[in-house]
Amino acid sequence: MAKNKTVFFCKECGHESIKWLGQCPMCKEWDSFVEHKLEKSTSRGTVAKTFLERNVATNLSQVTFTQEERIKTNIGELDRVLGSGIIKGSLVLVGGDPGIGKSTLLLQMCRELSNMQHKVLYVSGEESVAQIKMRADRLGTFEGEMMLLSETNLDVILQNIDEVKPEILVVDSIQTMYKEEVTSSPGSVGQVREATNVLMHIAKEKGIATFIVGHVTKEGTVAGPRVLEHMVDTVLYFEGENQVSYRVLRAVKNRFGSTNEIGVFEMQQVGLVEIKNPSQYMLQGKPLDEPGSVVTATVEGSRTILVEIQALVCRTSFNLPRRTSVGIDFNRVNILLAVLEKRLGMKLAECDAYVNIVGGMRINETSIDLALVMAVISSYRNIPINSKTIIFGEVGLTGEVRAVAQVAQRVSEAIKIGFETIVLPKANLPLQDIDTSGVSIKGVSNVREAVEAIQYK
């Protein structure tokens, strides 16, 4: 015997309630509960079977496991973000803005895996099989066993999984999938949650590495309940601006690897191409000996990337000066401008200030503080800093320059690219196990010392 059960889910955090609530007790959002109905069995036989097959608690000392062998995708940047490859039975969520390249990247991954004789099933709820074939022909030759399915009904998809028995499953996208037992429409909180739950059980029970594509909202988060990100093993976000050709793949959650790694790609006619040297790519077209331009070093996971910070300071025409930042936290920029006013006596209250990370990257690391400060000073005084100088360090409210982590990686990358002068926190000296011959290393303890240590043009 079956009956319909009506439940309510918070579309923000996924909290479940048996009745509608005006405010979610978990995330405190208003009008966030949506209704959906589930058809559940109430037979005593099912309950008894579940009771008999329940899991038994195990002592930690008695638990054994074998190290899982990862499946390489032959796409180095993707393998780096996943943690050296794909784990069998893992569930990976890939999010990003429309047209950013999510489907292209996954189709390229499927090509590499199928060419290595891995059985792949690509399920699309948005494109026909012919459309997928057109994109596949543009990306290259598919030599292996690559199966395509255009379907949105989960029951039909599960039947195909049983028949094909794939090693890799791609579902594009989770918002188009639906289960008939759930009465709400595809893309709703209930459907997304139920579809992800079904795919999670399939991945774990059959050992199928599953990738699901998720649409994002205007706030930049995956559409649907936030519990979706908790259910999966790995969450990857594909980032990039429409004005630039490069894309950044970032792991914000990874149960099998680091969450700090990034992969960098460039969108070309043949698809996404790996950028193996992001520093050199980011510094292309950098102006020489121009005021307000400074190069700094930032670390993303195990990778050091050199980026250019530009600042433009000019006298304001308004009562209240304008402050604009792109790629850097706006509040952090205001704090550093206040430090310059207080510690160096610069009259920035009379000036507009614009700060930009060239290339469209977003950096939250405080190690770029000193470079930002020096770019503002260079623009304010209209004096260019030597283009062979690289600067990094965290700046405190008293104007002191604090030590940063992974300084050896930053210095090594700067030397490899060809910088001749490196200005860094004095607290990070001396440097160990780094050949700095032919390079001038200048340690500074505060902003005033940094101004004196910089070589100007």
Protein backbone atom coordinates (compact mmCIF):
# COMPACT_ATOMS: atom_id res chain seq x y z
CA MET A 1 0.00 0.00 0.00
CA ALA A 2 1.33 3.44 -0.89
CA LYS A 3 0.30 6.90 0.07
CA ASN A 4 1.44 10.39 -0.84
CA LYS A 5 3.34 12.32 1.79
CA THR A 6 3.62 16.10 1.58
CA VAL A 7 6.83 17.59 2.93
CA PHE A 8 8.44 21.00 2.72
CA PHE A 9 12.09 21.77 1.93
CA CYS A 10 14.05 24.98 2.41
CA LYS A 11 15.45 25.89 -1.00
CA GLU A 12 18.42 27.63 0.64
CA CYS A 13 19.75 25.01 3.06
CA GLY A 14 17.62 21.91 2.38
CA HIS A 15 16.07 21.76 5.86
CA GLU A 16 13.00 19.47 5.87
CA SER A 17 9.73 20.18 7.66
CA ILE A 18 6.35 18.42 7.76
CA LYS A 19 4.60 21.80 7.59
CA TRP A 20 5.20 25.11 5.85
CA LEU A 21 7.19 27.66 7.86
CA GLY A 22 7.52 31.36 7.18
CA GLN A 23 11.16 31.38 8.29
CA CYS A 24 13.64 28.52 8.09
CA PRO A 25 14.87 27.65 11.62
CA MET A 26 18.28 26.63 10.24
CA CYS A 27 19.38 29.39 7.82
CA LYS A 28 16.85 32.05 9.01
CA GLU A 29 15.71 32.82 5.44
CA TRP A 30 12.13 34.00 4.92
CA ASP A 31 9.69 32.42 2.42
CA SER A 32 12.22 29.76 1.46
CA PHE A 33 10.07 26.63 1.99
CA VAL A 34 8.63 24.86 -1.05
CA GLU A 35 6.24 21.93 -1.14
CA HIS A 36 6.60 18.61 -2.89
CA LYS A 37 5.01 15.18 -2.54
CA LEU A 38 6.73 11.85 -2.28
CA GLU A 39 5.11 8.45 -2.81
CA LYS A 40 6.38 6.16 -0.12
CA SER A 41 5.61 2.55 0.70
CA THR A 42 4.12 1.80 4.10
CA SER A 43 4.12 -2.01 3.89
CA ARG A 44 5.35 -3.77 7.01
CA GLY A 45 7.43 -6.13 4.89
CA THR A 46 9.56 -3.27 3.64
CA VAL A 47 10.09 -1.98 7.17
CA ALA A 48 11.02 -5.42 8.43
CA LYS A 49 13.47 -5.95 5.57
CA THR A 50 15.13 -2.62 6.23
CA PHE A 51 15.42 -3.49 9.91
CA LEU A 52 17.02 -6.88 9.23
CA GLU A 53 19.53 -5.45 6.73
CA ARG A 54 20.65 -2.56 8.87
CA ASN A 55 24.36 -1.76 9.23
CA VAL A 56 26.24 -2.86 12.34
CA ALA A 57 28.66 -0.60 14.22
CA THR A 58 32.33 -1.55 13.69
CA ASN A 59 35.33 -0.87 15.88
CA LEU A 60 37.73 1.60 14.23
CA SER A 61 40.72 -0.70 14.83
CA GLN A 62 38.99 -3.48 12.84
CA VAL A 63 38.32 -1.35 9.76
CA THR A 64 40.55 -2.12 6.76
CA PHE A 65 40.70 -0.47 3.36
CA THR A 66 42.78 -0.53 0.20
CA GLN A 67 44.16 2.55 -1.50
CA GLU A 68 41.94 3.34 -4.46
CA GLU A 69 43.67 3.60 -7.81
CA ARG A 70 42.77 6.84 -9.54
CA ILE A 71 41.72 7.03 -13.17
CA LYS A 72 43.81 9.57 -15.08
CA THR A 73 41.93 11.77 -17.53
CA ASN A 74 45.02 12.81 -19.55
CA ILE A 75 43.94 16.42 -18.88
CA GLY A 76 46.61 17.54 -16.43
CA GLU A 77 44.79 20.61 -15.13
CA LEU A 78 41.62 18.59 -14.42
CA ASP A 79 43.59 15.79 -12.73
CA ARG A 80 45.31 18.39 -10.53
CA VAL A 81 42.01 19.81 -9.28
CA LEU A 82 40.46 16.37 -8.72
CA GLY A 83 43.46 15.29 -6.67
CA SER A 84 45.57 13.33 -9.22
CA GLY A 85 42.64 11.66 -10.97
CA ILE A 86 39.13 10.24 -10.66
CA ILE A 87 38.14 7.98 -7.76
CA LYS A 88 35.79 5.11 -8.64
CA GLY A 89 32.36 5.56 -7.07
CA SER A 90 32.87 9.29 -6.49
CA LEU A 91 30.16 11.87 -7.14
CA VAL A 92 31.42 15.17 -8.58
CA LEU A 93 29.35 18.34 -9.04
CA VAL A 94 30.54 20.79 -11.72
CA GLY A 95 29.03 24.29 -11.59
CA GLY A 96 29.55 27.48 -13.54
CA ASP A 97 27.89 30.26 -15.51
CA PRO A 98 26.07 29.43 -18.77
CA GLY A 99 28.47 29.08 -21.70
CA ILE A 100 31.56 29.00 -19.47
CA GLY A 101 32.65 25.58 -20.82
CA LYS A 102 31.33 22.97 -18.35
CA SER A 103 29.90 20.65 -20.99
CA THR A 104 32.92 21.18 -23.25
CA LEU A 105 35.36 20.19 -20.50
CA LEU A 106 33.38 17.08 -19.55
CA LEU A 107 33.04 16.03 -23.19
CA GLN A 108 36.80 16.40 -23.63
CA MET A 109 37.28 14.31 -20.50
CA CYS A 110 34.96 11.65 -21.94
CA ARG A 111 36.96 11.61 -25.17
CA GLU A 112 40.24 11.01 -23.33
CA LEU A 113 38.74 8.31 -21.10
CA SER A 114 36.98 6.49 -23.94
CA ASN A 115 40.18 6.58 -26.02
CA MET A 116 41.87 4.81 -23.07
CA GLN A 117 39.23 2.05 -23.33
CA HIS A 118 37.13 3.19 -20.37
CA LYS A 119 33.39 2.73 -20.90
CA VAL A 120 31.64 6.12 -20.69
CA LEU A 121 27.95 7.03 -20.66
CA TYR A 122 27.10 10.68 -21.38
CA VAL A 123 23.50 11.60 -20.45
CA SER A 124 22.16 14.96 -21.60
CA GLY A 125 18.80 16.43 -20.68
CA GLU A 126 19.40 19.62 -22.67
CA GLU A 127 20.79 18.45 -26.03
CA SER A 128 19.88 15.78 -28.53
CA VAL A 129 22.31 13.04 -29.46
CA ALA A 130 22.92 14.77 -32.81
CA GLN A 131 23.85 18.05 -31.09
CA ILE A 132 26.31 16.26 -28.83
CA LYS A 133 27.83 14.58 -31.88
CA MET A 134 28.33 17.98 -33.55
CA ARG A 135 30.23 19.26 -30.51
CA ALA A 136 32.22 16.04 -30.26
CA ASP A 137 33.40 16.33 -33.87
CA ARG A 138 34.70 19.83 -33.14
CA LEU A 139 36.71 18.60 -30.14
CA GLY A 140 38.52 15.74 -31.87
CA THR A 141 38.36 12.04 -32.64
CA PHE A 142 36.53 9.62 -30.33
CA GLU A 143 38.13 6.21 -30.80
CA GLY A 144 36.79 4.29 -27.80
CA GLU A 145 33.42 3.21 -26.45
CA MET A 146 31.48 6.41 -25.85
CA MET A 147 27.74 5.97 -25.27
CA LEU A 148 25.26 8.85 -25.63
CA LEU A 149 21.76 9.19 -24.17
CA SER A 150 19.34 12.10 -24.42
CA GLU A 151 16.91 11.58 -21.54
CA THR A 152 15.50 13.32 -18.45
CA ASN A 153 13.55 10.47 -16.81
CA LEU A 154 15.72 8.96 -14.07
CA ASP A 155 14.04 5.56 -14.28
CA VAL A 156 14.96 5.29 -17.98
CA ILE A 157 18.49 6.47 -17.20
CA LEU A 158 18.88 3.81 -14.50
CA GLN A 159 17.79 1.11 -16.96
CA ASN A 160 20.46 2.28 -19.43
CA ILE A 161 23.07 2.27 -16.67
CA ASP A 162 22.23 -1.37 -15.89
CA GLU A 163 22.54 -2.27 -19.59
CA VAL A 164 25.66 -0.28 -20.47
CA LYS A 165 27.49 -0.77 -17.13
CA PRO A 166 29.72 2.31 -17.56
CA GLU A 167 32.82 3.15 -15.54
CA ILE A 168 32.20 6.90 -15.97
CA LEU A 169 28.78 8.58 -15.97
CA VAL A 170 28.15 12.22 -16.91
CA VAL A 171 24.72 13.81 -16.28
CA ASP A 172 24.16 17.21 -17.92
CA SER A 173 22.39 18.74 -16.11
CA ILE A 174 20.92 17.76 -12.74
CA GLN A 175 18.25 20.49 -13.01
CA THR A 176 16.67 18.75 -16.03
CA MET A 177 16.34 15.33 -14.37
CA TYR A 178 13.07 14.18 -12.80
CA LYS A 179 11.66 11.19 -10.94
CA GLU A 180 8.02 10.32 -11.52
CA GLU A 181 7.31 9.68 -7.82
CA VAL A 182 8.07 13.33 -7.06
CA THR A 183 5.15 15.49 -8.13
CA SER A 184 7.05 18.78 -8.46
CA SER A 185 8.50 19.96 -11.78
CA PRO A 186 12.11 19.32 -12.93
CA GLY A 187 14.56 21.79 -11.41
CA SER A 188 12.58 22.20 -8.20
CA VAL A 189 14.17 21.62 -4.80
CA GLY A 190 12.52 18.23 -4.38
CA GLN A 191 13.45 16.95 -7.83
CA VAL A 192 17.08 18.10 -7.61
CA ARG A 193 17.49 16.58 -4.17
CA GLU A 194 15.86 13.28 -5.12
CA ALA A 195 17.78 12.99 -8.42
CA THR A 196 21.11 13.64 -6.69
CA ASN A 197 20.26 11.12 -3.98
CA VAL A 198 19.50 8.43 -6.57
CA LEU A 199 22.72 9.11 -8.50
CA MET A 200 24.73 9.09 -5.26
CA HIS A 201 23.45 5.60 -4.37
CA ILE A 202 24.14 4.34 -7.91
CA ALA A 203 27.69 5.71 -7.79
CA LYS A 204 28.46 4.11 -4.42
CA GLU A 205 26.75 0.76 -5.02
CA LYS A 206 28.08 0.15 -8.55
CA GLY A 207 31.42 1.98 -8.23
CA ILE A 208 30.63 4.35 -11.11
CA ALA A 209 32.47 7.67 -11.11
CA THR A 210 29.65 10.16 -11.69
CA PHE A 211 29.87 13.78 -12.84
CA ILE A 212 26.78 15.97 -12.62
CA VAL A 213 26.51 19.45 -14.10
CA GLY A 214 24.71 22.08 -12.01
CA HIS A 215 23.32 25.41 -13.17
CA VAL A 216 24.17 28.43 -11.04
CA THR A 217 22.03 31.26 -9.74
CA LYS A 218 22.73 34.97 -10.24
CA GLU A 219 24.58 34.91 -6.89
CA GLY A 220 27.02 32.37 -8.35
CA THR A 221 25.89 29.33 -6.32
CA VAL A 222 24.51 26.06 -7.68
CA ALA A 223 20.75 26.27 -8.20
CA GLY A 224 18.71 24.07 -5.90
CA PRO A 225 19.07 23.20 -2.22
CA ARG A 226 22.43 23.87 -0.54
CA VAL A 227 22.27 20.30 0.75
CA LEU A 228 23.19 19.27 -2.82
CA GLU A 229 26.78 20.39 -2.23
CA HIS A 230 26.88 18.36 1.00
CA MET A 231 25.71 15.17 -0.72
CA VAL A 232 28.45 15.06 -3.36
CA ASP A 233 32.11 14.17 -2.80
CA THR A 234 33.61 16.98 -4.85
CA VAL A 235 32.37 20.42 -5.92
CA LEU A 236 34.14 22.09 -8.85
CA TYR A 237 33.38 25.63 -10.02
CA PHE A 238 34.28 26.83 -13.49
CA GLU A 239 35.07 30.55 -13.37
CA GLY A 240 35.89 33.14 -15.99
CA GLU A 241 34.87 36.42 -17.55
CA ASN A 242 33.23 36.81 -20.93
CA GLN A 243 35.87 39.37 -21.91
CA VAL A 244 38.83 37.01 -21.35
CA SER A 245 39.59 33.68 -23.00
CA TYR A 246 41.00 31.84 -19.98
CA ARG A 247 38.94 29.78 -17.53
CA VAL A 248 39.76 28.74 -13.97
CA LEU A 249 38.56 25.41 -12.57
CA ARG A 250 38.48 25.58 -8.78
CA ALA A 251 37.70 22.90 -6.18
CA VAL A 252 35.64 24.29 -3.30
CA LYS A 253 35.10 20.85 -1.78
CA ASN A 254 37.05 17.64 -2.30
CA ARG A 255 36.96 14.58 -0.06
CA PHE A 256 39.80 12.98 -1.99
CA GLY A 257 42.21 15.89 -2.44
CA SER A 258 43.08 19.51 -1.72
CA THR A 259 40.46 22.25 -2.00
CA ASN A 260 43.07 24.89 -2.84
CA GLU A 261 44.08 23.60 -6.27
CA ILE A 262 43.08 25.34 -9.49
CA GLY A 263 43.29 24.41 -13.15
CA VAL A 264 43.71 27.04 -15.86
CA PHE A 265 42.35 26.62 -19.40
CA GLU A 266 42.04 28.77 -22.48
CA MET A 267 38.92 28.59 -24.64
CA GLN A 268 39.89 28.05 -28.28
CA GLN A 269 38.16 26.88 -31.46
CA VAL A 270 39.01 23.24 -30.71
CA GLY A 271 37.76 23.46 -27.13
CA LEU A 272 39.55 24.05 -23.85
CA VAL A 273 43.35 24.01 -23.97
CA GLU A 274 45.46 23.64 -20.83
CA ILE A 275 47.62 26.58 -19.74
CA LYS A 276 50.65 24.90 -18.18
CA ASN A 277 52.40 28.19 -17.30
CA PRO A 278 49.69 30.55 -15.96
CA SER A 279 52.24 33.14 -14.77
CA GLN A 280 53.62 33.75 -18.23
CA TYR A 281 50.11 33.80 -19.66
CA MET A 282 48.84 36.34 -17.09
CA LEU A 283 51.76 38.72 -17.69
CA GLN A 284 51.35 38.86 -21.46
CA GLY A 285 50.95 42.44 -22.66
CA LYS A 286 52.14 43.96 -19.37
CA PRO A 287 53.14 47.63 -19.94
CA LEU A 288 56.77 48.51 -19.30
CA ASP A 289 57.72 51.36 -16.96
CA GLU A 290 54.17 52.67 -16.46
CA PRO A 291 53.08 54.20 -13.11
CA GLY A 292 50.65 52.11 -11.09
CA SER A 293 51.70 48.71 -12.47
CA VAL A 294 53.19 46.12 -10.08
CA VAL A 295 53.68 42.34 -10.32
CA THR A 296 52.99 40.13 -7.30
CA ALA A 297 53.00 36.40 -6.51
CA THR A 298 49.96 34.53 -5.23
CA VAL A 299 49.66 30.85 -4.30
CA GLU A 300 46.68 28.68 -5.25
CA GLY A 301 47.13 25.24 -3.70
CA SER A 302 50.50 23.94 -4.85
CA ARG A 303 50.71 26.42 -7.73
CA THR A 304 52.30 29.86 -7.72
CA ILE A 305 50.86 32.40 -10.15
CA LEU A 306 52.35 35.80 -10.93
CA VAL A 307 49.75 38.47 -11.63
CA GLU A 308 49.79 42.18 -12.38
CA ILE A 309 48.07 44.66 -10.08
CA GLN A 310 47.19 48.05 -11.58
CA ALA A 311 46.16 51.15 -9.65
CA LEU A 312 44.94 54.50 -10.94
CA VAL A 313 44.86 57.43 -8.53
CA CYS A 314 43.61 60.82 -9.73
CA ARG A 315 42.15 63.96 -8.19
CA THR A 316 38.42 63.65 -7.60
CA SER A 317 35.76 65.95 -9.01
CA PHE A 318 33.23 64.98 -6.33
CA ASN A 319 32.76 65.70 -2.64
CA LEU A 320 33.12 62.00 -1.90
CA PRO A 321 36.02 60.25 -3.72
CA ARG A 322 35.24 57.12 -5.70
CA ARG A 323 36.71 53.75 -4.79
CA THR A 324 36.54 50.81 -7.24
CA SER A 325 38.20 47.40 -7.03
CA VAL A 326 38.13 44.51 -9.49
CA GLY A 327 39.44 41.11 -8.40
CA ILE A 328 40.28 42.32 -4.86
CA ASP A 329 38.05 42.62 -1.81
CA PHE A 330 36.66 46.17 -1.78
CA ASN A 331 36.89 46.52 2.01
CA ARG A 332 40.51 45.38 1.98
CA VAL A 333 41.36 48.10 -0.55
CA ASN A 334 39.75 50.76 1.65
CA ILE A 335 41.74 49.56 4.67
CA LEU A 336 45.05 49.78 2.80
CA LEU A 337 44.23 53.24 1.48
CA ALA A 338 43.55 54.34 5.06
CA VAL A 339 46.93 52.92 6.13
CA LEU A 340 48.66 55.01 3.46
CA GLU A 341 46.88 58.16 4.61
CA LYS A 342 47.76 57.59 8.25
CA ARG A 343 51.30 56.20 8.00
CA LEU A 344 52.69 58.03 4.94
CA GLY A 345 50.59 61.20 5.04
CA MET A 346 49.21 60.73 1.52
CA LYS A 347 46.09 62.82 0.89
CA LEU A 348 44.05 60.08 -0.74
CA ALA A 349 40.79 61.56 0.57
CA GLU A 350 41.10 64.08 -2.26
CA CYS A 351 41.58 61.39 -4.92
CA ASP A 352 39.60 58.73 -6.71
CA ALA A 353 41.25 55.30 -6.54
CA TYR A 354 40.75 52.38 -8.94
CA VAL A 355 42.44 49.00 -8.39
CA ASN A 356 42.38 46.03 -10.76
CA ILE A 357 43.82 42.51 -11.01
CA VAL A 358 44.68 42.26 -14.70
CA GLY A 359 43.16 39.27 -16.48
CA GLY A 360 39.97 38.97 -14.44
CA MET A 361 41.29 36.78 -11.61
CA ARG A 362 39.90 37.12 -8.09
CA ILE A 363 42.46 36.95 -5.27
CA ASN A 364 41.57 36.85 -1.58
CA GLU A 365 45.10 36.22 -0.33
CA THR A 366 46.51 38.99 1.89
CA SER A 367 50.03 38.45 0.51
CA ILE A 368 49.22 40.87 -2.33
CA ASP A 369 48.73 43.79 0.11
CA LEU A 370 52.22 45.24 -0.29
CA ALA A 371 52.05 45.11 -4.10
CA LEU A 372 48.68 46.87 -4.03
CA VAL A 373 50.05 49.57 -1.73
CA MET A 374 53.10 50.15 -3.95
CA ALA A 375 50.91 50.33 -7.07
CA VAL A 376 48.80 53.05 -5.41
CA ILE A 377 51.91 54.99 -4.36
CA SER A 378 53.40 54.67 -7.85
CA SER A 379 50.23 56.01 -9.47
CA TYR A 380 49.81 58.77 -6.85
CA ARG A 381 53.36 60.04 -7.40
CA ASN A 382 53.27 59.25 -11.13
CA ILE A 383 56.59 57.40 -10.86
CA PRO A 384 56.88 53.95 -12.52
CA ILE A 385 58.41 51.00 -10.65
CA ASN A 386 61.10 48.98 -12.41
CA SER A 387 59.34 46.29 -14.49
CA LYS A 388 61.81 43.62 -13.30
CA THR A 389 60.65 44.03 -9.69
CA ILE A 390 58.17 41.73 -7.96
CA ILE A 391 56.58 42.56 -4.58
CA PHE A 392 54.59 40.56 -2.04
CA GLY A 393 53.77 40.74 1.66
CA GLU A 394 50.87 41.30 4.05
CA VAL A 395 50.33 44.84 5.39
CA GLY A 396 48.91 45.46 8.87
CA LEU A 397 47.02 48.47 10.18
CA THR A 398 50.15 50.00 11.68
CA GLY A 399 51.92 49.80 8.32
CA GLU A 400 54.05 46.79 9.25
CA VAL A 401 54.81 44.14 6.61
CA ARG A 402 54.10 40.65 7.92
CA ALA A 403 55.46 37.29 6.78
CA VAL A 404 53.62 35.21 4.19
CA ALA A 405 53.42 31.46 3.69
CA GLN A 406 55.15 29.43 0.95
CA VAL A 407 57.70 32.16 0.27
CA ALA A 408 60.15 29.72 -1.35
CA GLN A 409 57.60 28.85 -4.05
CA ARG A 410 56.97 32.52 -4.80
CA VAL A 411 60.65 33.39 -5.05
CA SER A 412 61.42 30.37 -7.24
CA GLU A 413 58.61 31.24 -9.66
CA ALA A 414 59.76 34.88 -9.84
CA ILE A 415 63.34 33.83 -10.63
CA LYS A 416 62.12 31.36 -13.27
CA ILE A 417 60.11 34.07 -15.04
CA GLY A 418 63.12 36.43 -15.02
CA PHE A 419 62.58 39.04 -12.27
CA GLU A 420 65.75 40.64 -10.95
CA THR A 421 64.52 42.33 -7.75
CA ILE A 422 62.26 40.69 -5.15
CA VAL A 423 60.79 42.77 -2.32
CA LEU A 424 59.38 40.61 0.47
CA PRO A 425 58.81 40.68 4.27
CA LYS A 426 61.97 40.79 6.34
CA ALA A 427 60.41 38.15 8.61
CA ASN A 428 60.70 35.63 5.74
CA LEU A 429 64.49 36.00 5.56
CA PRO A 430 66.82 34.19 5.25
CA LEU A 431 65.63 32.02 2.37
CA GLN A 432 66.53 28.34 2.56
CA ASP A 433 67.54 26.02 -0.30
CA ILE A 434 67.01 28.61 -3.05
CA ASP A 435 69.68 29.75 -5.49
CA THR A 436 69.27 33.53 -5.54
CA SER A 437 72.49 34.33 -7.36
CA GLY A 438 72.04 37.26 -9.72
CA VAL A 439 68.82 38.32 -7.98
CA SER A 440 68.46 41.16 -5.48
CA ILE A 441 66.42 40.10 -2.42
CA LYS A 442 65.19 43.02 -0.29
CA GLY A 443 63.46 42.39 3.03
CA VAL A 444 61.27 45.16 4.47
CA SER A 445 59.52 45.43 7.83
CA ASN A 446 57.09 48.28 7.09
CA VAL A 447 55.59 50.27 4.23
CA ARG A 448 58.05 53.15 4.62
CA GLU A 449 61.02 50.79 4.17
CA ALA A 450 59.31 49.28 1.11
CA VAL A 451 59.03 52.72 -0.50
CA GLU A 452 62.76 53.28 0.02
CA ALA A 453 63.71 49.79 -1.20
CA ILE A 454 61.86 50.00 -4.50
CA GLN A 455 63.87 50.82 -7.60
CA TYR A 456 62.03 53.47 -9.65
CA LYS A 457 62.42 54.47 -13.26
